[in-house]
Amino acid sequence: MTHDPFDAARRFTGSLVAQVTPFQHDGSIDYGALFELIARQEHHGTAGLFFLGVAGEGATLDDRDFAAFTETVLGADRKIPYFIGCTGTYTGHALERVRIAADHGADGAILTVPANMGPDQKQAARYFLDIADASPIPIGTFNNPARLMTDLDTATLLTILEHPKIVLHKEGSPRTGQIGALLAAHPKVCFLADDSPDQDILTPALSRGAQGIANATGNLLPRELAALSRPWDDFRGMAAFRELHSRLIPLMDFLYGVRSPIGLKSLMNAAGLPAGQLRKPLTLLPEEQTRKGLALLQEYLRICEELAAERNTPAARATPVTSFEKLPRG
């Protein structure tokens, strides 16, 4: 049977983790650390990786960086789909990046509108459609009004999502009514909700049929986000989500309490993970603030251990908890 990459992306379900990019002190990419983090994702049940988004600091990569990154990362063996963030400074630039990603074998490209432009609805639709027309690989769209000046409305999105090459949509708008309207229209795309607690859209999106969660939290807790991102096939899925999500909220609030990925990388490093540096002008959190996040992570893991011991059932012992071999014990 011939593999159809467009159909495969359309059928994607589960946790799509927005992978962080480890930088060294001189600003270069630490590929050894990156591949270590990728292996951790594969081991803990992540369904796919999204490189060079906000969490991956994709906006800091120039064209030479981008070409080297895609060649290096996509040239390695992979066990799960790899999507590349290809947003450029304008339509032609984004399309050029899509073609580079395609040349190196990306499973798809994910795009937002260009930063600092603020295109209106008609202009934004034309941007996505023009790129999709010329793209050799599946296209994913990301409505991210918190970081950009354009919030794609329902009518615009439904027009965009009719394109046969646009097969995945990541929604970050806090307008839950729009999420309901989009999913009620049954677009032929994989619909994923963004995990930022500022939007707080996971429950309404999954309850209406979203196929998973596009998230940055999975960089720290991949097993938990893999479990949290399962589509709700029945009430048991909803109940499992509610219990796990309630335990994760304090950590998610910390991670998103400052500009992403500052809190995320700071806490990952403190937990013994090679998240590396941020590219300037961004800097890691002060040690005192990072310790607060570390205490939240340690408390979360302690609660998980207590619940497993208290319930002492196979289901409780099977509760997804990410392992941290180098985590300092509180």
Protein backbone atom coordinates (compact mmCIF):
# COMPACT_ATOMS: atom_id res chain seq x y z
CA MET A 1 0.00 0.00 0.00
CA THR A 2 1.36 3.42 -0.97
CA HIS A 3 1.96 5.78 1.96
CA ASP A 4 -0.05 8.99 1.63
CA PRO A 5 1.64 11.69 3.77
CA PHE A 6 -1.39 13.96 3.53
CA ASP A 7 -3.75 11.30 4.83
CA ALA A 8 -1.25 10.32 7.54
CA ALA A 9 -1.06 13.89 8.84
CA ARG A 10 -4.84 14.23 8.65
CA ARG A 11 -5.22 11.14 10.84
CA PHE A 12 -2.67 12.24 13.44
CA THR A 13 -3.85 11.84 17.05
CA GLY A 14 -2.28 12.41 20.45
CA SER A 15 0.48 14.66 21.73
CA LEU A 16 2.31 16.91 19.28
CA VAL A 17 5.16 18.37 21.31
CA ALA A 18 6.62 21.74 20.31
CA GLN A 19 10.24 20.69 20.76
CA VAL A 20 12.67 23.10 22.43
CA THR A 21 15.95 23.83 20.66
CA PRO A 22 18.99 23.59 22.95
CA PHE A 23 21.41 26.44 22.29
CA GLN A 24 24.94 26.70 23.62
CA HIS A 25 26.34 29.84 25.25
CA ASP A 26 27.66 31.08 21.89
CA GLY A 27 24.20 30.75 20.31
CA SER A 28 24.97 27.63 18.27
CA ILE A 29 22.62 24.66 18.32
CA ASP A 30 23.62 21.73 20.52
CA TYR A 31 22.54 18.86 18.29
CA GLY A 32 23.77 16.21 20.71
CA ALA A 33 21.44 17.58 23.39
CA LEU A 34 18.61 17.90 20.87
CA PHE A 35 18.83 14.25 19.83
CA GLU A 36 18.91 13.24 23.50
CA LEU A 37 15.66 15.15 24.06
CA ILE A 38 14.11 13.64 20.93
CA ALA A 39 14.93 10.11 22.13
CA ARG A 40 13.25 10.93 25.45
CA GLN A 41 10.10 11.98 23.60
CA GLU A 42 10.02 8.79 21.57
CA HIS A 43 10.54 6.69 24.70
CA HIS A 44 7.69 8.34 26.61
CA GLY A 45 4.91 8.03 24.03
CA THR A 46 4.86 11.36 22.20
CA ALA A 47 2.99 10.95 18.91
CA GLY A 48 4.84 13.62 16.91
CA LEU A 49 7.29 16.52 17.18
CA PHE A 50 6.90 20.10 15.97
CA PHE A 51 10.27 21.80 15.53
CA LEU A 52 11.02 25.53 15.30
CA GLY A 53 7.78 26.83 16.71
CA VAL A 54 7.60 29.33 19.58
CA ALA A 55 9.03 26.84 22.10
CA GLY A 56 11.74 25.95 19.59
CA GLU A 57 12.71 29.62 19.10
CA GLY A 58 12.28 29.19 15.37
CA ALA A 59 12.05 32.95 14.83
CA THR A 60 15.71 33.28 15.91
CA LEU A 61 17.04 31.07 13.11
CA ASP A 62 18.28 32.78 9.97
CA ASP A 63 18.07 31.04 6.61
CA ARG A 64 21.46 29.35 6.98
CA ASP A 65 20.53 28.07 10.46
CA PHE A 66 17.19 26.83 9.14
CA ALA A 67 18.75 24.91 6.25
CA ALA A 68 21.36 23.29 8.52
CA PHE A 69 18.76 22.43 11.15
CA THR A 70 16.37 20.74 8.73
CA GLU A 71 19.17 18.79 7.05
CA THR A 72 20.57 17.58 10.38
CA VAL A 73 17.33 16.76 12.18
CA LEU A 74 15.44 15.32 9.23
CA GLY A 75 18.47 13.32 8.12
CA ALA A 76 18.37 11.24 11.29
CA ASP A 77 16.32 8.09 11.81
CA ARG A 78 12.89 8.84 13.25
CA LYS A 79 10.19 6.81 14.94
CA ILE A 80 7.45 9.46 14.92
CA PRO A 81 6.36 12.22 12.50
CA TYR A 82 8.45 15.41 12.35
CA PHE A 83 6.73 18.68 11.48
CA ILE A 84 8.81 21.79 10.82
CA GLY A 85 7.79 25.35 11.63
CA CYS A 86 8.27 27.19 8.34
CA THR A 87 6.80 30.62 9.03
CA GLY A 88 8.80 33.25 7.19
CA THR A 89 8.84 37.01 6.98
CA TYR A 90 6.48 37.01 3.98
CA THR A 91 4.69 34.52 1.72
CA GLY A 92 7.61 33.78 -0.60
CA HIS A 93 10.01 33.35 2.29
CA ALA A 94 7.70 30.89 4.06
CA LEU A 95 7.25 28.91 0.85
CA GLU A 96 11.01 28.71 0.40
CA ARG A 97 11.30 27.22 3.88
CA VAL A 98 8.51 24.74 3.16
CA ARG A 99 10.41 23.55 0.09
CA ILE A 100 13.64 23.15 2.07
CA ALA A 101 11.80 21.12 4.71
CA ALA A 102 10.23 19.01 1.96
CA ASP A 103 13.60 18.39 0.30
CA HIS A 104 14.89 16.91 3.55
CA GLY A 105 11.85 14.70 4.14
CA ALA A 106 9.66 16.57 6.64
CA ASP A 107 6.31 14.95 7.37
CA GLY A 108 4.71 18.37 7.15
CA ALA A 109 5.16 22.12 7.64
CA ILE A 110 3.30 24.21 10.22
CA LEU A 111 2.72 27.91 9.66
CA THR A 112 1.43 30.98 11.42
CA VAL A 113 0.89 34.33 9.76
CA PRO A 114 4.16 36.30 9.59
CA ALA A 115 5.07 38.22 12.73
CA ASN A 116 4.60 42.00 12.95
CA MET A 117 2.45 42.22 9.80
CA GLY A 118 -1.06 41.80 11.12
CA PRO A 119 -2.70 40.75 7.84
CA ASP A 120 -6.48 41.03 7.75
CA GLN A 121 -8.68 37.95 7.30
CA LYS A 122 -8.63 38.00 3.50
CA GLN A 123 -4.87 38.57 3.35
CA ALA A 124 -4.19 35.85 5.93
CA ALA A 125 -6.32 33.35 4.00
CA ARG A 126 -4.50 34.16 0.77
CA TYR A 127 -1.13 33.66 2.52
CA PHE A 128 -2.00 30.13 3.68
CA LEU A 129 -3.71 29.16 0.43
CA ASP A 130 -0.89 30.41 -1.80
CA ILE A 131 1.66 28.42 0.18
CA ALA A 132 -0.54 25.30 0.18
CA ASP A 133 -1.03 25.56 -3.59
CA ALA A 134 2.72 25.26 -4.15
CA SER A 135 3.64 22.98 -1.26
CA PRO A 136 4.88 19.44 -1.96
CA ILE A 137 4.18 18.36 1.65
CA PRO A 138 1.23 18.55 4.07
CA ILE A 139 0.56 21.96 5.60
CA GLY A 140 -0.58 22.67 9.15
CA THR A 141 -1.95 26.02 10.28
CA PHE A 142 -1.64 27.59 13.72
CA ASN A 143 -3.96 30.35 14.90
CA ASN A 144 -1.86 32.06 17.58
CA PRO A 145 -3.40 35.45 18.37
CA ALA A 146 -1.56 35.74 21.71
CA ARG A 147 1.76 36.08 19.86
CA LEU A 148 0.62 37.67 16.59
CA MET A 149 -1.62 40.52 15.52
CA THR A 150 -4.14 38.41 13.61
CA ASP A 151 -6.84 36.18 15.10
CA LEU A 152 -8.27 34.02 12.34
CA ASP A 153 -12.07 33.97 12.55
CA THR A 154 -14.34 31.00 11.94
CA ALA A 155 -15.25 31.84 8.35
CA THR A 156 -11.61 32.42 7.38
CA LEU A 157 -10.47 29.18 8.98
CA LEU A 158 -13.19 27.13 7.35
CA THR A 159 -12.13 28.55 3.98
CA ILE A 160 -8.47 27.76 4.65
CA LEU A 161 -9.17 24.26 5.94
CA GLU A 162 -10.99 23.30 2.73
CA HIS A 163 -7.66 23.22 0.89
CA PRO A 164 -6.69 19.57 0.23
CA LYS A 165 -3.06 20.14 1.23
CA ILE A 166 -3.95 21.78 4.55
CA VAL A 167 -4.50 18.77 6.77
CA LEU A 168 -3.75 19.87 10.34
CA HIS A 169 -4.85 22.83 12.44
CA LYS A 170 -3.51 23.96 15.80
CA GLU A 171 -5.95 26.30 17.54
CA GLY A 172 -4.79 28.83 20.10
CA SER A 173 -7.71 31.23 20.28
CA PRO A 174 -9.50 31.46 23.66
CA ARG A 175 -12.83 31.88 21.88
CA THR A 176 -14.43 28.57 22.77
CA GLY A 177 -17.47 29.34 20.65
CA GLN A 178 -15.25 29.40 17.58
CA ILE A 179 -13.76 26.02 18.53
CA GLY A 180 -17.25 24.57 18.74
CA ALA A 181 -18.25 26.06 15.40
CA LEU A 182 -15.11 24.79 13.69
CA LEU A 183 -15.45 21.25 14.97
CA ALA A 184 -19.19 21.19 14.27
CA ALA A 185 -18.36 21.84 10.60
CA HIS A 186 -16.23 18.64 10.54
CA PRO A 187 -13.30 19.98 8.49
CA LYS A 188 -11.19 17.20 7.00
CA VAL A 189 -8.16 18.05 9.11
CA CYS A 190 -6.49 16.95 12.32
CA PHE A 191 -7.67 19.51 14.89
CA LEU A 192 -5.34 20.04 17.87
CA ALA A 193 -5.81 22.34 20.86
CA ASP A 194 -2.96 24.45 22.25
CA ASP A 195 -2.01 23.69 25.86
CA SER A 196 -1.40 27.24 27.11
CA PRO A 197 -3.42 27.77 30.33
CA ASP A 198 -3.95 31.40 29.28
CA GLN A 199 -6.30 30.15 26.56
CA ASP A 200 -7.72 27.33 28.71
CA ILE A 201 -9.27 25.57 25.72
CA LEU A 202 -8.30 21.94 26.24
CA THR A 203 -11.56 20.80 27.83
CA PRO A 204 -13.93 22.45 25.31
CA ALA A 205 -11.80 21.32 22.36
CA LEU A 206 -11.47 17.68 23.42
CA SER A 207 -15.14 17.52 24.40
CA ARG A 208 -16.08 18.57 20.86
CA GLY A 209 -13.81 16.05 19.12
CA ALA A 210 -10.27 17.46 18.92
CA GLN A 211 -7.76 14.74 18.00
CA GLY A 212 -5.13 15.74 20.52
CA ILE A 213 -3.07 18.53 22.05
CA ALA A 214 -0.25 20.56 20.52
CA ASN A 215 1.86 21.40 23.51
CA ALA A 216 5.12 22.65 25.00
CA THR A 217 4.53 21.09 28.43
CA GLY A 218 5.41 17.70 26.95
CA ASN A 219 9.04 18.78 26.76
CA LEU A 220 9.09 18.37 30.54
CA LEU A 221 6.36 15.75 31.05
CA PRO A 222 5.99 13.73 27.84
CA ARG A 223 4.21 10.71 29.39
CA GLU A 224 1.61 12.90 31.04
CA LEU A 225 0.91 14.89 27.89
CA ALA A 226 0.70 11.71 25.84
CA ALA A 227 -2.03 10.53 28.22
CA LEU A 228 -3.72 13.94 28.42
CA SER A 229 -3.84 14.24 24.63
CA ARG A 230 -5.85 11.09 23.96
CA PRO A 231 -9.13 11.86 22.17
CA TRP A 232 -12.23 11.38 24.30
CA ASP A 233 -13.87 8.25 22.98
CA ASP A 234 -16.05 7.81 26.05
CA PHE A 235 -16.69 9.20 29.54
CA ARG A 236 -13.72 7.29 30.93
CA GLY A 237 -11.44 9.40 28.77
CA MET A 238 -13.00 12.56 30.14
CA ALA A 239 -12.63 11.38 33.76
CA ALA A 240 -8.97 10.40 33.25
CA PHE A 241 -8.27 13.79 31.64
CA ARG A 242 -9.93 15.68 34.50
CA GLU A 243 -7.87 13.95 37.20
CA LEU A 244 -4.54 14.28 35.40
CA HIS A 245 -5.12 17.84 34.20
CA SER A 246 -6.00 18.98 37.72
CA ARG A 247 -2.64 17.74 38.98
CA LEU A 248 -0.75 19.37 36.11
CA ILE A 249 -2.29 22.85 36.26
CA PRO A 250 0.19 24.35 38.80
CA LEU A 251 3.15 23.23 36.69
CA MET A 252 1.58 24.42 33.44
CA ASP A 253 0.85 27.80 35.02
CA PHE A 254 4.52 28.08 35.99
CA LEU A 255 5.78 27.10 32.54
CA TYR A 256 3.56 29.65 30.80
CA GLY A 257 3.83 32.31 33.51
CA VAL A 258 6.66 33.96 31.58
CA ARG A 259 7.28 34.25 27.87
CA SER A 260 7.69 30.79 26.34
CA PRO A 261 10.11 29.01 26.43
CA ILE A 262 11.87 30.86 29.28
CA GLY A 263 10.15 29.04 32.15
CA LEU A 264 10.18 25.73 30.30
CA LYS A 265 13.90 25.69 29.54
CA SER A 266 14.79 26.97 33.01
CA LEU A 267 12.87 24.19 34.71
CA MET A 268 14.08 21.50 32.31
CA ASN A 269 17.68 22.42 33.02
CA ALA A 270 17.02 22.38 36.78
CA ALA A 271 15.45 18.92 36.41
CA GLY A 272 18.59 17.55 34.76
CA LEU A 273 17.44 17.79 31.13
CA PRO A 274 19.74 19.35 28.48
CA ALA A 275 17.43 22.17 27.38
CA GLY A 276 20.38 24.53 26.98
CA GLN A 277 20.42 28.29 26.71
CA LEU A 278 18.00 30.72 25.11
CA ARG A 279 19.06 32.87 22.21
CA LYS A 280 19.55 36.49 23.20
CA PRO A 281 17.95 38.74 24.16
CA LEU A 282 15.99 36.07 26.09
CA THR A 283 17.64 34.72 29.22
CA LEU A 284 16.88 31.93 31.68
CA LEU A 285 15.00 32.63 34.91
CA PRO A 286 16.89 33.68 38.04
CA GLU A 287 17.80 30.72 40.24
CA GLU A 288 15.35 31.70 42.97
CA GLN A 289 12.42 31.73 40.55
CA THR A 290 13.52 28.46 38.95
CA ARG A 291 13.58 26.83 42.39
CA LYS A 292 9.87 27.59 42.73
CA GLY A 293 9.19 25.63 39.56
CA LEU A 294 11.43 22.82 40.71
CA ALA A 295 9.50 22.62 43.99
CA LEU A 296 6.24 22.34 42.00
CA LEU A 297 7.67 19.48 39.94
CA GLN A 298 8.93 17.67 43.03
CA GLU A 299 5.54 18.10 44.71
CA TYR A 300 3.75 16.78 41.63
CA LEU A 301 5.93 13.66 41.58
CA ARG A 302 5.46 13.16 45.33
CA ILE A 303 1.66 13.29 44.94
CA CYS A 304 1.84 10.76 42.10
CA GLU A 305 3.88 8.39 44.27
CA GLU A 306 1.45 8.74 47.17
CA LEU A 307 -1.60 8.13 44.98
CA ALA A 308 -0.06 5.02 43.44
CA ALA A 309 0.80 3.63 46.89
CA GLU A 310 -2.58 4.57 48.39
CA ARG A 311 -4.67 3.01 45.65
CA ASN A 312 -2.31 0.08 45.09
CA THR A 313 -4.18 -1.12 42.03
CA PRO A 314 -2.88 -2.01 38.56
CA ALA A 315 -4.63 1.08 37.14
CA ALA A 316 -3.03 3.36 39.73
CA ARG A 317 0.40 1.83 39.18
CA ALA A 318 -0.05 2.33 35.44
CA THR A 319 -0.76 6.07 35.84
CA PRO A 320 1.61 7.85 33.44
CA VAL A 321 4.47 9.52 35.31
CA THR A 322 7.58 10.71 33.50
CA SER A 323 10.86 9.54 35.00
CA PHE A 324 13.60 12.02 35.95
CA GLU A 325 16.92 10.28 36.54
CA LYS A 326 18.84 13.48 37.32
CA LEU A 327 16.15 15.40 39.22
CA PRO A 328 17.37 16.81 42.55
CA ARG A 329 15.27 15.37 45.38
CA GLY A 330 13.47 17.93 47.53
